[in-house]
Amino acid sequence: MSIIALILLVALLIPILGIVVDSPIGRALARRLEGPPATPPALSDLGKKVELLEAEVDDLMRSVQALQDETAFLQRLLEAPSQRPNLPPPQSS
């Protein structure tokens, strides 16, 4: 009798297993067993491009800051000619 009960138990578990595997819970378990999704190559390339662009923006910001400093210095030179000492007129011999 135990062999018949075992065969009957297996025969009943097959449809139950099919229902569980096809359910949303079974799909969620399958996704969890697959592991974390791999990053697509296009996305990693995009990340590298963003990093390069950020580095370029930083370089440009430093260049703009240097130009602003130079412009401020030249502006101060042009605005304050009266503060410089006057040179004596040239003497003719």
C-alpha atoms as a PDB file:
ATOM      1  CA  MET A   1       0.000   0.000   0.000  1.00  0.00           C
ATOM      2  CA  SER A   2       2.806   2.411   0.695  1.00  0.00           C
ATOM      3  CA  ILE A   3       4.002   2.267  -2.943  1.00  0.00           C
ATOM      4  CA  ILE A   4       0.522   3.163  -4.183  1.00  0.00           C
ATOM      5  CA  ALA A   5       0.308   6.032  -1.684  1.00  0.00           C
ATOM      6  CA  LEU A   6       3.728   7.293  -2.835  1.00  0.00           C
ATOM      7  CA  ILE A   7       2.702   7.166  -6.513  1.00  0.00           C
ATOM      8  CA  LEU A   8      -0.556   8.958  -5.697  1.00  0.00           C
ATOM      9  CA  LEU A   9       1.326  11.637  -3.730  1.00  0.00           C
ATOM     10  CA  VAL A  10       3.762  12.232  -6.623  1.00  0.00           C
ATOM     11  CA  ALA A  11       0.877  12.348  -9.105  1.00  0.00           C
ATOM     12  CA  LEU A  12      -0.868  15.023  -7.018  1.00  0.00           C
ATOM     13  CA  LEU A  13       2.301  17.058  -6.444  1.00  0.00           C
ATOM     14  CA  ILE A  14       3.039  17.434 -10.185  1.00  0.00           C
ATOM     15  CA  PRO A  15       0.043  19.737 -10.941  1.00  0.00           C
ATOM     16  CA  ILE A  16       0.537  21.624  -7.670  1.00  0.00           C
ATOM     17  CA  LEU A  17       4.180  22.223  -8.570  1.00  0.00           C
ATOM     18  CA  GLY A  18       3.166  23.419 -12.046  1.00  0.00           C
ATOM     19  CA  ILE A  19       0.676  25.886 -10.580  1.00  0.00           C
ATOM     20  CA  VAL A  20       3.220  27.267  -8.095  1.00  0.00           C
ATOM     21  CA  VAL A  21       5.976  27.629 -10.707  1.00  0.00           C
ATOM     22  CA  ASP A  22       3.643  29.454 -13.122  1.00  0.00           C
ATOM     23  CA  SER A  23       2.326  31.813 -10.440  1.00  0.00           C
ATOM     24  CA  PRO A  24       3.785  35.255  -9.698  1.00  0.00           C
ATOM     25  CA  ILE A  25       5.350  33.852  -6.543  1.00  0.00           C
ATOM     26  CA  GLY A  26       7.146  31.187  -8.577  1.00  0.00           C
ATOM     27  CA  ARG A  27       8.378  33.801 -11.061  1.00  0.00           C
ATOM     28  CA  ALA A  28       9.627  36.009  -8.216  1.00  0.00           C
ATOM     29  CA  LEU A  29      11.508  33.082  -6.721  1.00  0.00           C
ATOM     30  CA  ALA A  30      13.025  32.291 -10.124  1.00  0.00           C
ATOM     31  CA  ARG A  31      14.208  35.892 -10.551  1.00  0.00           C
ATOM     32  CA  ARG A  32      15.736  35.825  -7.083  1.00  0.00           C
ATOM     33  CA  LEU A  33      17.568  32.588  -7.873  1.00  0.00           C
ATOM     34  CA  GLU A  34      18.943  34.088 -11.101  1.00  0.00           C
ATOM     35  CA  GLY A  35      20.831  36.730  -9.125  1.00  0.00           C
ATOM     36  CA  PRO A  36      21.261  40.429  -9.729  1.00  0.00           C
ATOM     37  CA  PRO A  37      20.756  41.546 -13.310  1.00  0.00           C
ATOM     38  CA  ALA A  38      23.936  42.271 -15.235  1.00  0.00           C
ATOM     39  CA  THR A  39      24.479  45.839 -16.342  1.00  0.00           C
ATOM     40  CA  PRO A  40      23.924  46.103 -20.077  1.00  0.00           C
ATOM     41  CA  PRO A  41      27.041  47.136 -22.002  1.00  0.00           C
ATOM     42  CA  ALA A  42      25.320  50.205 -23.426  1.00  0.00           C
ATOM     43  CA  LEU A  43      24.610  51.471 -19.903  1.00  0.00           C
ATOM     44  CA  SER A  44      28.200  51.006 -18.749  1.00  0.00           C
ATOM     45  CA  ASP A  45      29.422  52.854 -21.878  1.00  0.00           C
ATOM     46  CA  LEU A  46      27.023  55.671 -21.063  1.00  0.00           C
ATOM     47  CA  GLY A  47      28.410  55.830 -17.525  1.00  0.00           C
ATOM     48  CA  LYS A  48      31.963  56.144 -18.869  1.00  0.00           C
ATOM     49  CA  LYS A  49      30.878  58.918 -21.217  1.00  0.00           C
ATOM     50  CA  VAL A  50      29.222  60.791 -18.357  1.00  0.00           C
ATOM     51  CA  GLU A  51      32.411  60.551 -16.293  1.00  0.00           C
ATOM     52  CA  LEU A  52      34.464  61.891 -19.211  1.00  0.00           C
ATOM     53  CA  LEU A  53      32.032  64.761 -19.708  1.00  0.00           C
ATOM     54  CA  GLU A  54      32.164  65.614 -16.009  1.00  0.00           C
ATOM     55  CA  ALA A  55      35.971  65.732 -16.174  1.00  0.00           C
ATOM     56  CA  GLU A  56      35.786  68.000 -19.229  1.00  0.00           C
ATOM     57  CA  VAL A  57      33.334  70.315 -17.461  1.00  0.00           C
ATOM     58  CA  ASP A  58      35.691  70.539 -14.478  1.00  0.00           C
ATOM     59  CA  ASP A  59      38.595  71.445 -16.797  1.00  0.00           C
ATOM     60  CA  LEU A  60      36.480  74.076 -18.524  1.00  0.00           C
ATOM     61  CA  MET A  61      35.395  75.544 -15.182  1.00  0.00           C
ATOM     62  CA  ARG A  62      39.055  75.899 -14.159  1.00  0.00           C
ATOM     63  CA  SER A  63      39.858  77.579 -17.480  1.00  0.00           C
ATOM     64  CA  VAL A  64      36.933  79.978 -17.141  1.00  0.00           C
ATOM     65  CA  GLN A  65      38.006  80.835 -13.583  1.00  0.00           C
ATOM     66  CA  ALA A  66      41.551  81.578 -14.786  1.00  0.00           C
ATOM     67  CA  LEU A  67      40.186  83.800 -17.558  1.00  0.00           C
ATOM     68  CA  GLN A  68      37.973  85.650 -15.081  1.00  0.00           C
ATOM     69  CA  ASP A  69      40.977  86.279 -12.831  1.00  0.00           C
ATOM     70  CA  GLU A  70      43.023  87.582 -15.767  1.00  0.00           C
ATOM     71  CA  THR A  71      40.185  89.823 -16.898  1.00  0.00           C
ATOM     72  CA  ALA A  72      39.745  91.238 -13.399  1.00  0.00           C
ATOM     73  CA  PHE A  73      43.478  91.985 -13.208  1.00  0.00           C
ATOM     74  CA  LEU A  74      43.475  93.754 -16.581  1.00  0.00           C
ATOM     75  CA  GLN A  75      40.356  95.704 -15.645  1.00  0.00           C
ATOM     76  CA  ARG A  76      42.029  96.949 -12.472  1.00  0.00           C
ATOM     77  CA  LEU A  77      45.069  98.029 -14.501  1.00  0.00           C
ATOM     78  CA  LEU A  78      42.931  99.959 -16.959  1.00  0.00           C
ATOM     79  CA  GLU A  79      40.744 101.640 -14.343  1.00  0.00           C
ATOM     80  CA  ALA A  80      43.479 102.984 -12.077  1.00  0.00           C
ATOM     81  CA  PRO A  81      46.051 104.810 -14.189  1.00  0.00           C
ATOM     82  CA  SER A  82      46.001 107.821 -11.816  1.00  0.00           C
ATOM     83  CA  GLN A  83      47.263 105.728  -8.936  1.00  0.00           C
ATOM     84  CA  ARG A  84      50.509 104.998 -10.715  1.00  0.00           C
ATOM     85  CA  PRO A  85      53.304 107.533 -10.285  1.00  0.00           C
ATOM     86  CA  ASN A  86      53.799 109.860 -13.204  1.00  0.00           C
ATOM     87  CA  LEU A  87      57.108 109.691 -14.973  1.00  0.00           C
ATOM     88  CA  PRO A  88      59.044 112.924 -15.398  1.00  0.00           C
ATOM     89  CA  PRO A  89      59.126 114.302 -18.909  1.00  0.00           C
ATOM     90  CA  PRO A  90      62.105 113.246 -20.983  1.00  0.00           C
ATOM     91  CA  GLN A  91      65.008 115.669 -20.926  1.00  0.00           C
ATOM     92  CA  SER A  92      66.460 116.742 -24.182  1.00  0.00           C
ATOM     93  CA  SER A  93      70.190 117.034 -24.372  1.00  0.00           C
END
